């Protein structure tokens, strides 16, 4: 991972841990609200690659079933595994940020729990609201599917 001051401005803006942390936190929080269970750690690596690329994010809709959405949008997901792999270091950095800021907790079973109201979510910016709404939808999809392996298989990624 390149030192912060050596990263291009675009990377600093889009992949900074605070912004990415808000997205991961939002998806994890929605999952926990829907399932009343902690969030599987391995799913955290799928959140950013589903939200950050414009074409994938713009295709996220209110489709109830994740597998149906994947099938309908397979053309947007062709390079998903490559993007997911490239974002692993940024996801790791974001998870460290969330843990250090006490926004999330890592349980003894290796899953995430959120601290209620850890992150203020009164956001007025419409673009940021859109990112957060997409993160909530991902949280709902993961909660509905309830099987980490099948989610990875749907996306053509190996954990």
C-alpha atoms as a PDB file:
ATOM      1  CA  UNK A   1       0.000   0.000   0.000  1.00  0.00           C
ATOM      2  CA  UNK A   2       1.407   3.349  -1.026  1.00  0.00           C
ATOM      3  CA  UNK A   3       1.908   6.015   1.623  1.00  0.00           C
ATOM      4  CA  UNK A   4      -0.984   8.451   1.891  1.00  0.00           C
ATOM      5  CA  UNK A   5       0.950  11.515   0.696  1.00  0.00           C
ATOM      6  CA  UNK A   6       2.133   9.656  -2.418  1.00  0.00           C
ATOM      7  CA  UNK A   7      -1.317   8.611  -3.594  1.00  0.00           C
ATOM      8  CA  UNK A   8      -2.958  10.439  -6.506  1.00  0.00           C
ATOM      9  CA  UNK A   9      -5.676  12.913  -5.496  1.00  0.00           C
ATOM     10  CA  UNK A  10      -8.386  10.772  -7.132  1.00  0.00           C
ATOM     11  CA  UNK A  11      -7.413   7.837  -4.920  1.00  0.00           C
ATOM     12  CA  UNK A  12      -7.321  10.055  -1.842  1.00  0.00           C
ATOM     13  CA  UNK A  13     -10.815  11.360  -2.545  1.00  0.00           C
ATOM     14  CA  UNK A  14     -12.603   8.169  -3.567  1.00  0.00           C
ATOM     15  CA  UNK A  15     -10.744   5.556  -1.540  1.00  0.00           C
ATOM     16  CA  UNK A  16     -10.146   7.354   1.723  1.00  0.00           C
ATOM     17  CA  UNK A  17     -10.982   5.257   4.778  1.00  0.00           C
ATOM     18  CA  UNK A  18     -13.612   7.671   6.113  1.00  0.00           C
ATOM     19  CA  UNK A  19     -15.686   7.587   2.922  1.00  0.00           C
ATOM     20  CA  UNK A  20     -15.210   3.852   2.359  1.00  0.00           C
ATOM     21  CA  UNK A  21     -15.873   3.296   6.059  1.00  0.00           C
ATOM     22  CA  UNK A  22     -19.222   5.028   5.792  1.00  0.00           C
ATOM     23  CA  UNK A  23     -20.176   2.698   2.932  1.00  0.00           C
ATOM     24  CA  UNK A  24     -19.065  -0.483   4.675  1.00  0.00           C
ATOM     25  CA  UNK A  25     -20.610   0.620   7.967  1.00  0.00           C
ATOM     26  CA  UNK A  26     -23.932   1.371   6.224  1.00  0.00           C
ATOM     27  CA  UNK A  27     -24.069  -2.047   4.515  1.00  0.00           C
ATOM     28  CA  UNK A  28     -23.073  -3.873   7.720  1.00  0.00           C
ATOM     29  CA  UNK A  29     -25.619  -1.915   9.760  1.00  0.00           C
ATOM     30  CA  UNK A  30     -28.434  -2.716   7.303  1.00  0.00           C
ATOM     31  CA  UNK A  31     -27.500  -6.406   7.282  1.00  0.00           C
ATOM     32  CA  UNK A  32     -27.573  -6.537  11.082  1.00  0.00           C
ATOM     33  CA  UNK A  33     -30.931  -4.725  11.208  1.00  0.00           C
ATOM     34  CA  UNK A  34     -32.448  -7.251   8.786  1.00  0.00           C
ATOM     35  CA  UNK A  35     -30.962 -10.453  10.218  1.00  0.00           C
ATOM     36  CA  UNK A  36     -30.428  -9.608  13.905  1.00  0.00           C
ATOM     37  CA  UNK A  37     -27.053 -11.343  13.486  1.00  0.00           C
ATOM     38  CA  UNK A  38     -23.495 -10.112  13.119  1.00  0.00           C
ATOM     39  CA  UNK A  39     -22.046  -9.485   9.666  1.00  0.00           C
ATOM     40  CA  UNK A  40     -19.721 -12.113   8.128  1.00  0.00           C
ATOM     41  CA  UNK A  41     -16.219 -10.639   7.855  1.00  0.00           C
ATOM     42  CA  UNK A  42     -15.568 -12.094   4.388  1.00  0.00           C
ATOM     43  CA  UNK A  43     -18.524 -10.237   2.855  1.00  0.00           C
ATOM     44  CA  UNK A  44     -16.900  -6.899   3.673  1.00  0.00           C
ATOM     45  CA  UNK A  45     -14.566  -7.426   0.700  1.00  0.00           C
ATOM     46  CA  UNK A  46     -17.510  -7.329  -1.715  1.00  0.00           C
ATOM     47  CA  UNK A  47     -19.039  -4.018  -0.624  1.00  0.00           C
ATOM     48  CA  UNK A  48     -16.606  -1.514  -2.138  1.00  0.00           C
ATOM     49  CA  UNK A  49     -16.283  -3.287  -5.507  1.00  0.00           C
ATOM     50  CA  UNK A  50     -20.077  -3.302  -5.777  1.00  0.00           C
ATOM     51  CA  UNK A  51     -20.461   0.389  -4.915  1.00  0.00           C
ATOM     52  CA  UNK A  52     -17.411   2.270  -6.193  1.00  0.00           C
ATOM     53  CA  UNK A  53     -17.407   1.449  -9.943  1.00  0.00           C
ATOM     54  CA  UNK A  54     -19.984   3.731 -11.611  1.00  0.00           C
ATOM     55  CA  UNK A  55     -21.451   1.117 -13.941  1.00  0.00           C
ATOM     56  CA  UNK A  56     -22.053  -1.404 -11.158  1.00  0.00           C
ATOM     57  CA  UNK A  57     -23.341   1.177  -8.660  1.00  0.00           C
ATOM     58  CA  UNK A  58     -25.728   2.683 -11.220  1.00  0.00           C
ATOM     59  CA  UNK A  59     -27.172  -0.751 -11.971  1.00  0.00           C
ATOM     60  CA  UNK A  60     -28.033  -1.454  -8.318  1.00  0.00           C
ATOM     61  CA  UNK A  61     -31.779  -1.251  -7.948  1.00  0.00           C
ATOM     62  CA  UNK A  62     -34.477  -2.436  -5.574  1.00  0.00           C
ATOM     63  CA  UNK A  63     -34.527  -5.970  -7.028  1.00  0.00           C
ATOM     64  CA  UNK A  64     -35.372  -8.224  -4.103  1.00  0.00           C
ATOM     65  CA  UNK A  65     -33.041 -11.126  -4.863  1.00  0.00           C
ATOM     66  CA  UNK A  66     -29.312 -10.639  -5.267  1.00  0.00           C
ATOM     67  CA  UNK A  67     -28.952 -13.600  -7.646  1.00  0.00           C
ATOM     68  CA  UNK A  68     -31.611 -12.101  -9.931  1.00  0.00           C
ATOM     69  CA  UNK A  69     -29.803  -8.756  -9.958  1.00  0.00           C
ATOM     70  CA  UNK A  70     -26.478 -10.477 -10.748  1.00  0.00           C
ATOM     71  CA  UNK A  71     -28.097 -12.381 -13.617  1.00  0.00           C
ATOM     72  CA  UNK A  72     -29.707  -9.224 -15.003  1.00  0.00           C
ATOM     73  CA  UNK A  73     -26.468  -7.219 -14.747  1.00  0.00           C
ATOM     74  CA  UNK A  74     -23.840  -9.793 -15.651  1.00  0.00           C
ATOM     75  CA  UNK A  75     -22.324  -7.492 -18.281  1.00  0.00           C
ATOM     76  CA  UNK A  76     -21.407  -4.996 -15.549  1.00  0.00           C
ATOM     77  CA  UNK A  77     -19.798  -7.733 -13.461  1.00  0.00           C
ATOM     78  CA  UNK A  78     -17.388  -9.173 -16.044  1.00  0.00           C
ATOM     79  CA  UNK A  79     -14.338  -7.605 -14.377  1.00  0.00           C
ATOM     80  CA  UNK A  80     -15.741  -7.807 -10.841  1.00  0.00           C
ATOM     81  CA  UNK A  81     -13.187 -10.294  -9.501  1.00  0.00           C
ATOM     82  CA  UNK A  82     -10.309  -8.140 -10.785  1.00  0.00           C
ATOM     83  CA  UNK A  83     -11.799  -5.007  -9.214  1.00  0.00           C
ATOM     84  CA  UNK A  84     -12.499  -6.834  -5.944  1.00  0.00           C
ATOM     85  CA  UNK A  85      -8.902  -8.038  -5.783  1.00  0.00           C
ATOM     86  CA  UNK A  86      -7.563  -4.540  -6.481  1.00  0.00           C
ATOM     87  CA  UNK A  87      -9.692  -3.083  -3.669  1.00  0.00           C
ATOM     88  CA  UNK A  88      -8.589  -5.575  -0.984  1.00  0.00           C
ATOM     89  CA  UNK A  89      -5.863  -3.268   0.417  1.00  0.00           C
ATOM     90  CA  UNK A  90      -8.333  -0.356   0.599  1.00  0.00           C
ATOM     91  CA  UNK A  91     -10.935  -2.559   2.279  1.00  0.00           C
ATOM     92  CA  UNK A  92      -8.299  -3.662   4.807  1.00  0.00           C
ATOM     93  CA  UNK A  93      -7.333  -0.055   5.465  1.00  0.00           C
ATOM     94  CA  UNK A  94     -11.010   0.869   5.866  1.00  0.00           C
ATOM     95  CA  UNK A  95     -11.677  -1.996   8.279  1.00  0.00           C
ATOM     96  CA  UNK A  96      -8.681  -0.879  10.371  1.00  0.00           C
ATOM     97  CA  UNK A  97     -10.117   2.641  10.407  1.00  0.00           C
ATOM     98  CA  UNK A  98     -13.579   1.403  11.488  1.00  0.00           C
ATOM     99  CA  UNK A  99     -12.094  -0.751  14.242  1.00  0.00           C
ATOM    100  CA  UNK A 100      -9.766   1.980  15.507  1.00  0.00           C
ATOM    101  CA  UNK A 101     -12.594   4.519  15.527  1.00  0.00           C
ATOM    102  CA  UNK A 102     -14.773   2.026  17.445  1.00  0.00           C
ATOM    103  CA  UNK A 103     -17.464   2.190  14.749  1.00  0.00           C
ATOM    104  CA  UNK A 104     -17.495  -1.590  14.429  1.00  0.00           C
ATOM    105  CA  UNK A 105     -16.391  -4.463  16.619  1.00  0.00           C
ATOM    106  CA  UNK A 106     -14.844  -7.733  15.521  1.00  0.00           C
ATOM    107  CA  UNK A 107     -16.518 -10.552  17.430  1.00  0.00           C
ATOM    108  CA  UNK A 108     -14.795 -13.660  18.723  1.00  0.00           C
ATOM    109  CA  UNK A 109     -16.472 -15.578  15.864  1.00  0.00           C
ATOM    110  CA  UNK A 110     -14.834 -13.378  13.249  1.00  0.00           C
ATOM    111  CA  UNK A 111     -17.828 -11.279  12.282  1.00  0.00           C
ATOM    112  CA  UNK A 112     -18.659  -7.588  12.594  1.00  0.00           C
ATOM    113  CA  UNK A 113     -21.063  -5.854  14.895  1.00  0.00           C
ATOM    114  CA  UNK A 114     -21.783  -2.130  14.717  1.00  0.00           C
ATOM    115  CA  UNK A 115     -21.863   0.350  17.521  1.00  0.00           C
ATOM    116  CA  UNK A 116     -25.202   2.119  17.361  1.00  0.00           C
ATOM    117  CA  UNK A 117     -24.930   5.694  16.194  1.00  0.00           C
ATOM    118  CA  UNK A 118     -21.196   5.267  15.781  1.00  0.00           C
ATOM    119  CA  UNK A 119     -21.304   7.213  12.539  1.00  0.00           C
ATOM    120  CA  UNK A 120     -23.557  10.181  12.045  1.00  0.00           C
ATOM    121  CA  UNK A 121     -25.780   9.529   9.094  1.00  0.00           C
ATOM    122  CA  UNK A 122     -27.517  12.906   8.636  1.00  0.00           C
ATOM    123  CA  UNK A 123     -26.161  13.431   5.159  1.00  0.00           C
ATOM    124  CA  UNK A 124     -27.511  16.204   2.922  1.00  0.00           C
ATOM    125  CA  UNK A 125     -25.361  15.653  -0.162  1.00  0.00           C
ATOM    126  CA  UNK A 126     -27.454  13.859  -2.812  1.00  0.00           C
ATOM    127  CA  UNK A 127     -24.513  11.989  -4.346  1.00  0.00           C
ATOM    128  CA  UNK A 128     -23.383  10.713  -0.955  1.00  0.00           C
ATOM    129  CA  UNK A 129     -26.985   9.721  -0.149  1.00  0.00           C
ATOM    130  CA  UNK A 130     -27.033   7.678  -3.357  1.00  0.00           C
ATOM    131  CA  UNK A 131     -23.849   5.857  -2.340  1.00  0.00           C
ATOM    132  CA  UNK A 132     -25.346   5.117   1.065  1.00  0.00           C
ATOM    133  CA  UNK A 133     -28.647   3.905  -0.419  1.00  0.00           C
ATOM    134  CA  UNK A 134     -26.698   1.486  -2.610  1.00  0.00           C
ATOM    135  CA  UNK A 135     -24.777   0.295   0.454  1.00  0.00           C
ATOM    136  CA  UNK A 136     -28.086  -0.323   2.265  1.00  0.00           C
ATOM    137  CA  UNK A 137     -29.361  -2.320  -0.712  1.00  0.00           C
ATOM    138  CA  UNK A 138     -26.226  -4.468  -0.649  1.00  0.00           C
ATOM    139  CA  UNK A 139     -26.750  -5.036   3.068  1.00  0.00           C
ATOM    140  CA  UNK A 140     -30.347  -6.135   2.369  1.00  0.00           C
ATOM    141  CA  UNK A 141     -29.253  -8.460  -0.455  1.00  0.00           C
ATOM    142  CA  UNK A 142     -26.611 -10.099   1.701  1.00  0.00           C
ATOM    143  CA  UNK A 143     -29.134 -10.471   4.525  1.00  0.00           C
ATOM    144  CA  UNK A 144     -31.713 -12.034   2.203  1.00  0.00           C
ATOM    145  CA  UNK A 145     -29.231 -14.463   0.691  1.00  0.00           C
ATOM    146  CA  UNK A 146     -27.744 -15.489   4.032  1.00  0.00           C
ATOM    147  CA  UNK A 147     -25.019 -17.693   2.529  1.00  0.00           C
ATOM    148  CA  UNK A 148     -21.534 -16.269   2.089  1.00  0.00           C
ATOM    149  CA  UNK A 149     -20.406 -18.978  -0.327  1.00  0.00           C
ATOM    150  CA  UNK A 150     -23.349 -18.534  -2.700  1.00  0.00           C
ATOM    151  CA  UNK A 151     -22.820 -14.746  -2.747  1.00  0.00           C
ATOM    152  CA  UNK A 152     -19.190 -15.251  -3.755  1.00  0.00           C
ATOM    153  CA  UNK A 153     -20.205 -17.843  -6.359  1.00  0.00           C
ATOM    154  CA  UNK A 154     -22.837 -15.496  -7.835  1.00  0.00           C
ATOM    155  CA  UNK A 155     -20.136 -12.872  -8.349  1.00  0.00           C
ATOM    156  CA  UNK A 156     -17.573 -15.323  -9.706  1.00  0.00           C
ATOM    157  CA  UNK A 157     -15.097 -14.629  -6.907  1.00  0.00           C
ATOM    158  CA  UNK A 158     -13.252 -17.058  -4.691  1.00  0.00           C
ATOM    159  CA  UNK A 159     -12.772 -15.986  -1.057  1.00  0.00           C
END
